[in-house]
Protein backbone atom coordinates (compact mmCIF):
# COMPACT_ATOMS: atom_id res chain seq x y z
CA MET A 1 12.44 10.39 0.45
CA GLU A 2 12.81 11.62 -3.06
CA LYS A 3 10.27 10.87 -5.77
CA GLU A 4 12.68 8.62 -7.71
CA GLN A 5 13.31 6.46 -4.63
CA ILE A 6 9.58 6.10 -4.01
CA GLN A 7 8.94 5.18 -7.64
CA LYS A 8 11.49 2.37 -7.30
CA ILE A 9 9.55 1.05 -4.30
CA ILE A 10 6.34 1.15 -6.35
CA GLU A 11 8.06 -0.75 -9.18
CA LYS A 12 9.37 -3.32 -6.70
CA TYR A 13 5.88 -4.10 -5.40
CA ARG A 14 4.41 -4.16 -8.91
CA ARG A 15 7.03 -6.78 -9.88
CA LYS A 16 6.29 -8.80 -6.75
CA SER A 17 2.56 -8.64 -7.54
CA MET A 18 3.24 -10.45 -10.82
CA GLN A 19 5.18 -13.34 -9.26
CA PHE A 20 2.29 -15.79 -9.02
CA ARG A 21 4.54 -18.83 -8.91
CA ARG A 22 6.39 -17.48 -5.89
CA TYR A 23 3.51 -15.92 -3.95
CA SER A 24 -0.13 -16.79 -3.41
CA ASP A 25 -2.85 -14.92 -5.29
CA GLU A 26 -3.74 -13.17 -2.05
CA LYS A 27 -0.16 -12.04 -1.48
CA CYS A 28 0.15 -10.82 -5.09
CA ALA A 29 -3.06 -8.83 -4.68
CA PHE A 30 -1.67 -7.36 -1.47
CA PHE A 31 1.53 -6.28 -3.23
CA GLU A 32 -0.53 -4.64 -5.98
CA ARG A 33 -2.59 -2.87 -3.33
CA VAL A 34 0.60 -1.60 -1.66
CA ALA A 35 1.95 -0.28 -4.97
CA ASP A 36 -1.37 1.41 -5.77
CA ASP A 37 -1.59 3.05 -2.37
CA ILE A 38 1.97 4.37 -2.51
CA GLU A 39 1.43 5.65 -6.05
CA ASP A 40 -1.88 7.31 -5.17
CA ASN A 41 -0.31 9.05 -2.17
CA ILE A 42 3.20 9.67 -3.47
CA HIS A 43 2.90 13.37 -2.64
CA ILE A 44 2.60 12.45 1.05
CA PHE A 45 5.73 10.31 1.04
CA ILE A 46 7.96 12.92 -0.61
CA ASP A 47 9.03 14.24 2.72
CA ASN A 48 11.92 14.08 5.14
CA PHE A 49 9.72 12.23 7.64
CA TYR A 50 9.80 9.16 5.39
CA GLU A 51 13.42 8.13 5.25
CA THR A 52 13.15 4.43 4.38
CA GLU A 53 10.93 1.94 2.59
CA ASP A 54 9.91 0.58 5.99
CA ASP A 55 8.65 4.02 7.05
CA ILE A 56 6.40 4.13 4.00
CA LEU A 57 5.22 0.52 4.40
CA GLU A 58 4.34 1.12 8.04
CA ASP A 59 2.13 4.03 7.03
CA VAL A 60 0.54 2.09 4.16
CA LYS A 61 -0.23 -0.93 6.36
CA GLU A 62 -1.77 1.34 8.98
CA SER A 63 -4.06 2.87 6.37
CA PHE A 64 -5.11 -0.63 5.25
CA THR A 65 -5.95 -1.54 8.84
CA GLU A 66 -8.13 1.55 9.19
CA VAL A 67 -10.04 0.76 6.00
CA ASP A 68 -10.40 -2.94 6.84
CA ASP A 69 -11.69 -2.07 10.32
CA PHE A 70 -14.23 0.26 8.74
CA PHE A 71 -15.62 -2.52 6.54
CA ASP A 72 -15.67 -5.13 9.31
CA ASP A 73 -19.00 -3.80 10.56
CA GLU A 74 -22.12 -5.90 10.00
CA ASN A 75 -23.59 -3.50 7.44
CA PRO A 76 -20.64 -1.70 5.88
CA ILE A 77 -22.77 -0.07 3.20
CA ASP A 78 -24.59 1.85 5.95
CA ASN A 79 -21.31 3.48 6.93
CA LEU A 80 -20.84 4.99 3.48
CA PHE A 81 -23.68 7.47 3.88
């Protein structure tokens, strides 16, 4: 995808993160997290491998799962060192 297309996706999720009347606080926080992750890693998504928004979202959700699994341990702070 091209940078401009990806920036539109980021803007879409930022807008959704502000729609508190439509979505729960948890869902709005999730949308903000998605936008942040895409923005932080935009250089990865500017590639022919990522052709659609769904391709990017699949990758983002997978990265969230990895991080969440990491912090599911009993003593997550121990895993940071």
